[in-house]
Amino acid sequence: MSNKRELKQAIKYRTNQLMEDAFSYTLNHPGDNDEKADQLIEKIADKWFDLVAKVNNYPKKGKRSDVKKYFAGIENELETVAQEFNKEVDALYKS
């Protein structure tokens, strides 16, 4: 990512996509694992807020390379978390 704004947009896009998938499950399969889907949506939303907070609270004083590493870590975390949540959404559809 080249700046904070783009990183925040990427976080929002990925988490919204995952929440939509979980929500569409509840619409298409009423009564089946609704509680699990709701908990998953809450976990995704919490992670969204957590990642955005990390972007907002970056180390303002320090070397530029350290700041870049910090944001790269957030990008990596977003990718791994998105994959984990995607597996959980897939598990909802398979159950």
PDB file of N, CA and C in Angstrom:
ATOM      1  N   MET A   1       0.844  -1.177   0.000  1.00  0.00           N
ATOM      2  CA  MET A   1       0.000   0.000   0.000  1.00  0.00           C
ATOM      3  C   MET A   1       0.886   1.236   0.000  1.00  0.00           C
ATOM      4  N   SER A   2       0.431   2.217  -0.717  1.00  0.00           N
ATOM      5  CA  SER A   2       1.262   3.408  -0.788  1.00  0.00           C
ATOM      6  C   SER A   2       0.914   4.422   0.299  1.00  0.00           C
ATOM      7  N   ASN A   3      -0.277   4.339   0.869  1.00  0.00           N
ATOM      8  CA  ASN A   3      -0.579   5.258   1.962  1.00  0.00           C
ATOM      9  C   ASN A   3      -1.630   4.663   2.908  1.00  0.00           C
ATOM     10  N   LYS A   4      -1.858   5.368   3.998  1.00  0.00           N
ATOM     11  CA  LYS A   4      -2.779   4.884   5.026  1.00  0.00           C
ATOM     12  C   LYS A   4      -4.201   4.762   4.488  1.00  0.00           C
ATOM     13  N   ARG A   5      -4.592   5.707   3.678  1.00  0.00           N
ATOM     14  CA  ARG A   5      -5.960   5.714   3.155  1.00  0.00           C
ATOM     15  C   ARG A   5      -6.246   4.453   2.348  1.00  0.00           C
ATOM     16  N   GLU A   6      -5.313   4.084   1.488  1.00  0.00           N
ATOM     17  CA  GLU A   6      -5.499   2.886   0.668  1.00  0.00           C
ATOM     18  C   GLU A   6      -5.511   1.624   1.530  1.00  0.00           C
ATOM     19  N   LEU A   7      -4.697   1.604   2.557  1.00  0.00           N
ATOM     20  CA  LEU A   7      -4.679   0.454   3.455  1.00  0.00           C
ATOM     21  C   LEU A   7      -6.003   0.338   4.196  1.00  0.00           C
ATOM     22  N   LYS A   8      -6.540   1.449   4.662  1.00  0.00           N
ATOM     23  CA  LYS A   8      -7.833   1.428   5.340  1.00  0.00           C
ATOM     24  C   LYS A   8      -8.933   0.969   4.388  1.00  0.00           C
ATOM     25  N   GLN A   9      -8.871   1.408   3.143  1.00  0.00           N
ATOM     26  CA  GLN A   9      -9.863   0.981   2.161  1.00  0.00           C
ATOM     27  C   GLN A   9      -9.760  -0.516   1.890  1.00  0.00           C
ATOM     28  N   ALA A  10      -8.541  -1.031   1.830  1.00  0.00           N
ATOM     29  CA  ALA A  10      -8.347  -2.469   1.616  1.00  0.00           C
ATOM     30  C   ALA A  10      -8.909  -3.263   2.793  1.00  0.00           C
ATOM     31  N   ILE A  11      -8.671  -2.770   4.002  1.00  0.00           N
ATOM     32  CA  ILE A  11      -9.205  -3.427   5.198  1.00  0.00           C
ATOM     33  C   ILE A  11     -10.726  -3.436   5.151  1.00  0.00           C
ATOM     34  N   LYS A  12     -11.303  -2.297   4.831  1.00  0.00           N
ATOM     35  CA  LYS A  12     -12.760  -2.176   4.771  1.00  0.00           C
ATOM     36  C   LYS A  12     -13.334  -3.102   3.704  1.00  0.00           C
ATOM     37  N   TYR A  13     -12.710  -3.127   2.539  1.00  0.00           N
ATOM     38  CA  TYR A  13     -13.212  -3.950   1.445  1.00  0.00           C
ATOM     39  C   TYR A  13     -13.195  -5.432   1.821  1.00  0.00           C
ATOM     40  N   ARG A  14     -12.057  -5.899   2.334  1.00  0.00           N
ATOM     41  CA  ARG A  14     -11.920  -7.327   2.659  1.00  0.00           C
ATOM     42  C   ARG A  14     -12.879  -7.733   3.771  1.00  0.00           C
ATOM     43  N   THR A  15     -12.968  -6.929   4.821  1.00  0.00           N
ATOM     44  CA  THR A  15     -13.838  -7.299   5.933  1.00  0.00           C
ATOM     45  C   THR A  15     -15.311  -7.204   5.540  1.00  0.00           C
ATOM     46  N   ASN A  16     -15.675  -6.192   4.756  1.00  0.00           N
ATOM     47  CA  ASN A  16     -17.064  -6.081   4.311  1.00  0.00           C
ATOM     48  C   ASN A  16     -17.453  -7.269   3.434  1.00  0.00           C
ATOM     49  N   GLN A  17     -16.547  -7.704   2.588  1.00  0.00           N
ATOM     50  CA  GLN A  17     -16.813  -8.853   1.729  1.00  0.00           C
ATOM     51  C   GLN A  17     -17.067 -10.106   2.565  1.00  0.00           C
ATOM     52  N   LEU A  18     -16.250 -10.298   3.586  1.00  0.00           N
ATOM     53  CA  LEU A  18     -16.424 -11.463   4.460  1.00  0.00           C
ATOM     54  C   LEU A  18     -17.724 -11.379   5.256  1.00  0.00           C
ATOM     55  N   MET A  19     -18.052 -10.180   5.745  1.00  0.00           N
ATOM     56  CA  MET A  19     -19.299 -10.018   6.486  1.00  0.00           C
ATOM     57  C   MET A  19     -20.502 -10.250   5.581  1.00  0.00           C
ATOM     58  N   GLU A  20     -20.426  -9.803   4.333  1.00  0.00           N
ATOM     59  CA  GLU A  20     -21.520 -10.032   3.383  1.00  0.00           C
ATOM     60  C   GLU A  20     -21.716 -11.519   3.142  1.00  0.00           C
ATOM     61  N   ASP A  21     -20.623 -12.257   3.006  1.00  0.00           N
ATOM     62  CA  ASP A  21     -20.724 -13.697   2.787  1.00  0.00           C
ATOM     63  C   ASP A  21     -21.399 -14.383   3.968  1.00  0.00           C
ATOM     64  N   ALA A  22     -21.005 -14.014   5.175  1.00  0.00           N
ATOM     65  CA  ALA A  22     -21.607 -14.609   6.371  1.00  0.00           C
ATOM     66  C   ALA A  22     -23.077 -14.200   6.497  1.00  0.00           C
ATOM     67  N   PHE A  23     -23.376 -12.954   6.173  1.00  0.00           N
ATOM     68  CA  PHE A  23     -24.758 -12.483   6.269  1.00  0.00           C
ATOM     69  C   PHE A  23     -25.635 -13.148   5.216  1.00  0.00           C
ATOM     70  N   SER A  24     -25.093 -13.336   4.023  1.00  0.00           N
ATOM     71  CA  SER A  24     -25.883 -13.995   2.983  1.00  0.00           C
ATOM     72  C   SER A  24     -26.182 -15.439   3.368  1.00  0.00           C
ATOM     73  N   TYR A  25     -25.280 -16.057   4.132  1.00  0.00           N
ATOM     74  CA  TYR A  25     -25.556 -17.402   4.633  1.00  0.00           C
ATOM     75  C   TYR A  25     -26.802 -17.391   5.508  1.00  0.00           C
ATOM     76  N   THR A  26     -26.906 -16.400   6.403  1.00  0.00           N
ATOM     77  CA  THR A  26     -28.067 -16.346   7.296  1.00  0.00           C
ATOM     78  C   THR A  26     -29.351 -16.090   6.514  1.00  0.00           C
ATOM     79  N   LEU A  27     -29.254 -15.353   5.415  1.00  0.00           N
ATOM     80  CA  LEU A  27     -30.443 -15.093   4.601  1.00  0.00           C
ATOM     81  C   LEU A  27     -30.851 -16.330   3.802  1.00  0.00           C
ATOM     82  N   ASN A  28     -29.885 -17.054   3.292  1.00  0.00           N
ATOM     83  CA  ASN A  28     -30.178 -18.213   2.451  1.00  0.00           C
ATOM     84  C   ASN A  28     -30.461 -19.485   3.243  1.00  0.00           C
ATOM     85  N   HIS A  29     -30.003 -19.541   4.487  1.00  0.00           N
ATOM     86  CA  HIS A  29     -30.209 -20.714   5.332  1.00  0.00           C
ATOM     87  C   HIS A  29     -30.760 -20.276   6.692  1.00  0.00           C
ATOM     88  N   PRO A  30     -31.997 -19.787   6.723  1.00  0.00           N
ATOM     89  CA  PRO A  30     -32.542 -19.306   8.004  1.00  0.00           C
ATOM     90  C   PRO A  30     -32.660 -20.440   9.020  1.00  0.00           C
ATOM     91  N   GLY A  31     -32.206 -20.150  10.224  1.00  0.00           N
ATOM     92  CA  GLY A  31     -32.293 -21.113  11.310  1.00  0.00           C
ATOM     93  C   GLY A  31     -31.102 -22.041  11.433  1.00  0.00           C
ATOM     94  N   ASP A  32     -30.316 -22.189  10.374  1.00  0.00           N
ATOM     95  CA  ASP A  32     -29.151 -23.077  10.406  1.00  0.00           C
ATOM     96  C   ASP A  32     -27.911 -22.280  10.794  1.00  0.00           C
ATOM     97  N   ASN A  33     -27.397 -22.557  11.960  1.00  0.00           N
ATOM     98  CA  ASN A  33     -26.156 -21.924  12.429  1.00  0.00           C
ATOM     99  C   ASN A  33     -26.212 -20.396  12.413  1.00  0.00           C
ATOM    100  N   ASP A  34     -27.386 -19.830  12.657  1.00  0.00           N
ATOM    101  CA  ASP A  34     -27.501 -18.371  12.681  1.00  0.00           C
ATOM    102  C   ASP A  34     -26.619 -17.765  13.761  1.00  0.00           C
ATOM    103  N   GLU A  35     -26.577 -18.424  14.907  1.00  0.00           N
ATOM    104  CA  GLU A  35     -25.774 -17.899  16.012  1.00  0.00           C
ATOM    105  C   GLU A  35     -24.286 -17.921  15.661  1.00  0.00           C
ATOM    106  N   LYS A  36     -23.851 -19.000  15.011  1.00  0.00           N
ATOM    107  CA  LYS A  36     -22.453 -19.086  14.580  1.00  0.00           C
ATOM    108  C   LYS A  36     -22.123 -17.990  13.576  1.00  0.00           C
ATOM    109  N   ALA A  37     -23.032 -17.763  12.640  1.00  0.00           N
ATOM    110  CA  ALA A  37     -22.813 -16.733  11.627  1.00  0.00           C
ATOM    111  C   ALA A  37     -22.766 -15.346  12.266  1.00  0.00           C
ATOM    112  N   ASP A  38     -23.645 -15.102  13.221  1.00  0.00           N
ATOM    113  CA  ASP A  38     -23.649 -13.810  13.908  1.00  0.00           C
ATOM    114  C   ASP A  38     -22.355 -13.598  14.690  1.00  0.00           C
ATOM    115  N   GLN A  39     -21.881 -14.657  15.343  1.00  0.00           N
ATOM    116  CA  GLN A  39     -20.619 -14.545  16.076  1.00  0.00           C
ATOM    117  C   GLN A  39     -19.453 -14.294  15.131  1.00  0.00           C
ATOM    118  N   LEU A  40     -19.491 -14.931  13.979  1.00  0.00           N
ATOM    119  CA  LEU A  40     -18.443 -14.723  12.989  1.00  0.00           C
ATOM    120  C   LEU A  40     -18.453 -13.287  12.478  1.00  0.00           C
ATOM    121  N   ILE A  41     -19.641 -12.751  12.220  1.00  0.00           N
ATOM    122  CA  ILE A  41     -19.755 -11.361  11.769  1.00  0.00           C
ATOM    123  C   ILE A  41     -19.193 -10.414  12.826  1.00  0.00           C
ATOM    124  N   GLU A  42     -19.495 -10.694  14.094  1.00  0.00           N
ATOM    125  CA  GLU A  42     -18.969  -9.860  15.180  1.00  0.00           C
ATOM    126  C   GLU A  42     -17.446  -9.946  15.255  1.00  0.00           C
ATOM    127  N   LYS A  43     -16.890 -11.149  15.079  1.00  0.00           N
ATOM    128  CA  LYS A  43     -15.432 -11.309  15.099  1.00  0.00           C
ATOM    129  C   LYS A  43     -14.783 -10.542  13.948  1.00  0.00           C
ATOM    130  N   ILE A  44     -15.405 -10.600  12.788  1.00  0.00           N
ATOM    131  CA  ILE A  44     -14.861  -9.883  11.633  1.00  0.00           C
ATOM    132  C   ILE A  44     -14.905  -8.377  11.876  1.00  0.00           C
ATOM    133  N   ALA A  45     -16.024  -7.887  12.412  1.00  0.00           N
ATOM    134  CA  ALA A  45     -16.143  -6.454  12.698  1.00  0.00           C
ATOM    135  C   ALA A  45     -15.120  -6.017  13.743  1.00  0.00           C
ATOM    136  N   ASP A  46     -14.922  -6.833  14.765  1.00  0.00           N
ATOM    137  CA  ASP A  46     -13.919  -6.502  15.789  1.00  0.00           C
ATOM    138  C   ASP A  46     -12.530  -6.429  15.183  1.00  0.00           C
ATOM    139  N   LYS A  47     -12.231  -7.362  14.289  1.00  0.00           N
ATOM    140  CA  LYS A  47     -10.912  -7.365  13.651  1.00  0.00           C
ATOM    141  C   LYS A  47     -10.759  -6.152  12.745  1.00  0.00           C
ATOM    142  N   TRP A  48     -11.841  -5.750  12.101  1.00  0.00           N
ATOM    143  CA  TRP A  48     -11.820  -4.557  11.254  1.00  0.00           C
ATOM    144  C   TRP A  48     -11.433  -3.344  12.092  1.00  0.00           C
ATOM    145  N   PHE A  49     -12.106  -3.164  13.226  1.00  0.00           N
ATOM    146  CA  PHE A  49     -11.800  -2.033  14.093  1.00  0.00           C
ATOM    147  C   PHE A  49     -10.368  -2.110  14.618  1.00  0.00           C
ATOM    148  N   ASP A  50      -9.930  -3.312  14.944  1.00  0.00           N
ATOM    149  CA  ASP A  50      -8.575  -3.513  15.448  1.00  0.00           C
ATOM    150  C   ASP A  50      -7.534  -3.110  14.399  1.00  0.00           C
ATOM    151  N   LEU A  51      -7.716  -3.552  13.168  1.00  0.00           N
ATOM    152  CA  LEU A  51      -6.748  -3.239  12.112  1.00  0.00           C
ATOM    153  C   LEU A  51      -6.735  -1.740  11.779  1.00  0.00           C
ATOM    154  N   VAL A  52      -7.905  -1.130  11.747  1.00  0.00           N
ATOM    155  CA  VAL A  52      -7.961   0.316  11.475  1.00  0.00           C
ATOM    156  C   VAL A  52      -7.304   1.096  12.611  1.00  0.00           C
ATOM    157  N   ALA A  53      -7.494   0.638  13.834  1.00  0.00           N
ATOM    158  CA  ALA A  53      -6.849   1.296  14.976  1.00  0.00           C
ATOM    159  C   ALA A  53      -5.330   1.184  14.868  1.00  0.00           C
ATOM    160  N   LYS A  54      -4.850   0.028  14.406  1.00  0.00           N
ATOM    161  CA  LYS A  54      -3.409  -0.130  14.219  1.00  0.00           C
ATOM    162  C   LYS A  54      -2.880   0.821  13.155  1.00  0.00           C
ATOM    163  N   VAL A  55      -3.648   1.006  12.090  1.00  0.00           N
ATOM    164  CA  VAL A  55      -3.229   1.947  11.038  1.00  0.00           C
ATOM    165  C   VAL A  55      -3.183   3.362  11.595  1.00  0.00           C
ATOM    166  N   ASN A  56      -4.176   3.726  12.380  1.00  0.00           N
ATOM    167  CA  ASN A  56      -4.240   5.079  12.924  1.00  0.00           C
ATOM    168  C   ASN A  56      -3.153   5.346  13.960  1.00  0.00           C
ATOM    169  N   ASN A  57      -2.721   4.305  14.650  1.00  0.00           N
ATOM    170  CA  ASN A  57      -1.749   4.480  15.728  1.00  0.00           C
ATOM    171  C   ASN A  57      -0.373   3.969  15.324  1.00  0.00           C
ATOM    172  N   TYR A  58       0.058   4.351  14.155  1.00  0.00           N
ATOM    173  CA  TYR A  58       1.374   3.913  13.681  1.00  0.00           C
ATOM    174  C   TYR A  58       2.472   4.694  14.398  1.00  0.00           C
ATOM    175  N   PRO A  59       3.687   4.172  14.419  1.00  0.00           N
ATOM    176  CA  PRO A  59       4.791   4.880  15.090  1.00  0.00           C
ATOM    177  C   PRO A  59       5.169   6.140  14.323  1.00  0.00           C
ATOM    178  N   LYS A  60       4.772   7.287  14.846  1.00  0.00           N
ATOM    179  CA  LYS A  60       4.982   8.552  14.145  1.00  0.00           C
ATOM    180  C   LYS A  60       6.433   9.026  14.234  1.00  0.00           C
ATOM    181  N   LYS A  61       7.084   8.636  15.279  1.00  0.00           N
ATOM    182  CA  LYS A  61       8.488   9.007  15.424  1.00  0.00           C
ATOM    183  C   LYS A  61       9.327   7.769  15.196  1.00  0.00           C
ATOM    184  N   GLY A  62      10.211   7.856  14.308  1.00  0.00           N
ATOM    185  CA  GLY A  62      11.045   6.707  13.995  1.00  0.00           C
ATOM    186  C   GLY A  62      11.474   6.750  12.544  1.00  0.00           C
ATOM    187  N   LYS A  63      12.237   5.767  12.185  1.00  0.00           N
ATOM    188  CA  LYS A  63      12.741   5.710  10.824  1.00  0.00           C
ATOM    189  C   LYS A  63      11.618   5.347   9.857  1.00  0.00           C
ATOM    190  N   ARG A  64      11.768   5.834   8.654  1.00  0.00           N
ATOM    191  CA  ARG A  64      10.780   5.544   7.618  1.00  0.00           C
ATOM    192  C   ARG A  64      10.701   4.045   7.345  1.00  0.00           C
ATOM    193  N   SER A  65      11.828   3.370   7.386  1.00  0.00           N
ATOM    194  CA  SER A  65      11.839   1.926   7.130  1.00  0.00           C
ATOM    195  C   SER A  65      11.064   1.169   8.211  1.00  0.00           C
ATOM    196  N   ASP A  66      11.137   1.662   9.445  1.00  0.00           N
ATOM    197  CA  ASP A  66      10.384   1.023  10.529  1.00  0.00           C
ATOM    198  C   ASP A  66       8.879   1.189  10.320  1.00  0.00           C
ATOM    199  N   VAL A  67       8.489   2.371   9.858  1.00  0.00           N
ATOM    200  CA  VAL A  67       7.072   2.633   9.603  1.00  0.00           C
ATOM    201  C   VAL A  67       6.587   1.751   8.455  1.00  0.00           C
ATOM    202  N   LYS A  68       7.401   1.608   7.416  1.00  0.00           N
ATOM    203  CA  LYS A  68       7.021   0.752   6.288  1.00  0.00           C
ATOM    204  C   LYS A  68       6.869  -0.696   6.736  1.00  0.00           C
ATOM    205  N   LYS A  69       7.772  -1.161   7.593  1.00  0.00           N
ATOM    206  CA  LYS A  69       7.675  -2.522   8.114  1.00  0.00           C
ATOM    207  C   LYS A  69       6.400  -2.695   8.940  1.00  0.00           C
ATOM    208  N   TYR A  70       6.061  -1.661   9.697  1.00  0.00           N
ATOM    209  CA  TYR A  70       4.858  -1.691  10.523  1.00  0.00           C
ATOM    210  C   TYR A  70       3.620  -1.877   9.643  1.00  0.00           C
ATOM    211  N   PHE A  71       3.528  -1.081   8.576  1.00  0.00           N
ATOM    212  CA  PHE A  71       2.373  -1.176   7.680  1.00  0.00           C
ATOM    213  C   PHE A  71       2.389  -2.482   6.887  1.00  0.00           C
ATOM    214  N   ALA A  72       3.551  -2.973   6.541  1.00  0.00           N
ATOM    215  CA  ALA A  72       3.642  -4.267   5.857  1.00  0.00           C
ATOM    216  C   ALA A  72       3.134  -5.383   6.773  1.00  0.00           C
ATOM    217  N   GLY A  73       3.427  -5.264   8.051  1.00  0.00           N
ATOM    218  CA  GLY A  73       2.919  -6.240   9.018  1.00  0.00           C
ATOM    219  C   GLY A  73       1.403  -6.226   9.099  1.00  0.00           C
ATOM    220  N   ILE A  74       0.816  -5.036   9.020  1.00  0.00           N
ATOM    221  CA  ILE A  74      -0.642  -4.926   9.041  1.00  0.00           C
ATOM    222  C   ILE A  74      -1.232  -5.557   7.779  1.00  0.00           C
ATOM    223  N   GLU A  75      -0.599  -5.326   6.635  1.00  0.00           N
ATOM    224  CA  GLU A  75      -1.065  -5.939   5.385  1.00  0.00           C
ATOM    225  C   GLU A  75      -1.004  -7.455   5.471  1.00  0.00           C
ATOM    226  N   ASN A  76       0.077  -7.983   6.013  1.00  0.00           N
ATOM    227  CA  ASN A  76       0.209  -9.432   6.160  1.00  0.00           C
ATOM    228  C   ASN A  76      -0.841  -9.987   7.117  1.00  0.00           C
ATOM    229  N   GLU A  77      -1.070  -9.255   8.194  1.00  0.00           N
ATOM    230  CA  GLU A  77      -2.092  -9.686   9.152  1.00  0.00           C
ATOM    231  C   GLU A  77      -3.469  -9.703   8.500  1.00  0.00           C
ATOM    232  N   LEU A  78      -3.752  -8.695   7.675  1.00  0.00           N
ATOM    233  CA  LEU A  78      -5.028  -8.640   6.971  1.00  0.00           C
ATOM    234  C   LEU A  78      -5.199  -9.866   6.073  1.00  0.00           C
ATOM    235  N   GLU A  79      -4.160 -10.221   5.362  1.00  0.00           N
ATOM    236  CA  GLU A  79      -4.237 -11.375   4.466  1.00  0.00           C
ATOM    237  C   GLU A  79      -4.469 -12.671   5.238  1.00  0.00           C
ATOM    238  N   THR A  80      -3.724 -12.877   6.312  1.00  0.00           N
ATOM    239  CA  THR A  80      -3.879 -14.124   7.071  1.00  0.00           C
ATOM    240  C   THR A  80      -5.238 -14.195   7.760  1.00  0.00           C
ATOM    241  N   VAL A  81      -5.684 -13.077   8.303  1.00  0.00           N
ATOM    242  CA  VAL A  81      -6.985 -13.049   8.976  1.00  0.00           C
ATOM    243  C   VAL A  81      -8.100 -13.271   7.966  1.00  0.00           C
ATOM    244  N   ALA A  82      -7.985 -12.660   6.796  1.00  0.00           N
ATOM    245  CA  ALA A  82      -9.009 -12.832   5.769  1.00  0.00           C
ATOM    246  C   ALA A  82      -9.094 -14.290   5.333  1.00  0.00           C
ATOM    247  N   GLN A  83      -7.966 -14.953   5.214  1.00  0.00           N
ATOM    248  CA  GLN A  83      -7.970 -16.370   4.840  1.00  0.00           C
ATOM    249  C   GLN A  83      -8.616 -17.219   5.925  1.00  0.00           C
ATOM    250  N   GLU A  84      -8.310 -16.907   7.181  1.00  0.00           N
ATOM    251  CA  GLU A  84      -8.903 -17.653   8.295  1.00  0.00           C
ATOM    252  C   GLU A  84     -10.417 -17.466   8.335  1.00  0.00           C
ATOM    253  N   PHE A  85     -10.868 -16.221   8.193  1.00  0.00           N
ATOM    254  CA  PHE A  85     -12.302 -15.956   8.217  1.00  0.00           C
ATOM    255  C   PHE A  85     -12.988 -16.577   7.007  1.00  0.00           C
ATOM    256  N   ASN A  86     -12.320 -16.590   5.879  1.00  0.00           N
ATOM    257  CA  ASN A  86     -12.887 -17.202   4.681  1.00  0.00           C
ATOM    258  C   ASN A  86     -13.107 -18.696   4.901  1.00  0.00           C
ATOM    259  N   LYS A  87     -12.164 -19.348   5.577  1.00  0.00           N
ATOM    260  CA  LYS A  87     -12.333 -20.775   5.902  1.00  0.00           C
ATOM    261  C   LYS A  87     -13.519 -20.988   6.836  1.00  0.00           C
ATOM    262  N   GLU A  88     -13.705 -20.059   7.781  1.00  0.00           N
ATOM    263  CA  GLU A  88     -14.833 -20.182   8.707  1.00  0.00           C
ATOM    264  C   GLU A  88     -16.166 -19.990   7.976  1.00  0.00           C
ATOM    265  N   VAL A  89     -16.204 -19.058   7.026  1.00  0.00           N
ATOM    266  CA  VAL A  89     -17.424 -18.853   6.241  1.00  0.00           C
ATOM    267  C   VAL A  89     -17.692 -20.093   5.392  1.00  0.00           C
ATOM    268  N   ASP A  90     -16.658 -20.642   4.789  1.00  0.00           N
ATOM    269  CA  ASP A  90     -16.825 -21.875   4.011  1.00  0.00           C
ATOM    270  C   ASP A  90     -17.344 -23.018   4.885  1.00  0.00           C
ATOM    271  N   ALA A  91     -16.860 -23.093   6.117  1.00  0.00           N
ATOM    272  CA  ALA A  91     -17.312 -24.122   7.036  1.00  0.00           C
ATOM    273  C   ALA A  91     -18.812 -23.965   7.343  1.00  0.00           C
ATOM    274  N   LEU A  92     -19.292 -22.719   7.390  1.00  0.00           N
ATOM    275  CA  LEU A  92     -20.726 -22.495   7.601  1.00  0.00           C
ATOM    276  C   LEU A  92     -21.537 -23.106   6.449  1.00  0.00           C
ATOM    277  N   TYR A  93     -21.080 -22.856   5.237  1.00  0.00           N
ATOM    278  CA  TYR A  93     -21.813 -23.357   4.075  1.00  0.00           C
ATOM    279  C   TYR A  93     -21.743 -24.872   3.965  1.00  0.00           C
ATOM    280  N   LYS A  94     -20.664 -25.473   4.450  1.00  0.00           N
ATOM    281  CA  LYS A  94     -20.524 -26.926   4.363  1.00  0.00           C
ATOM    282  C   LYS A  94     -21.280 -27.655   5.454  1.00  0.00           C
ATOM    283  N   SER A  95     -21.632 -26.937   6.528  1.00  0.00           N
ATOM    284  CA  SER A  95     -22.332 -27.616   7.638  1.00  0.00           C
ATOM    285  C   SER A  95     -23.818 -27.697   7.396  1.00  0.00           C
TER     286      SER A  95
END
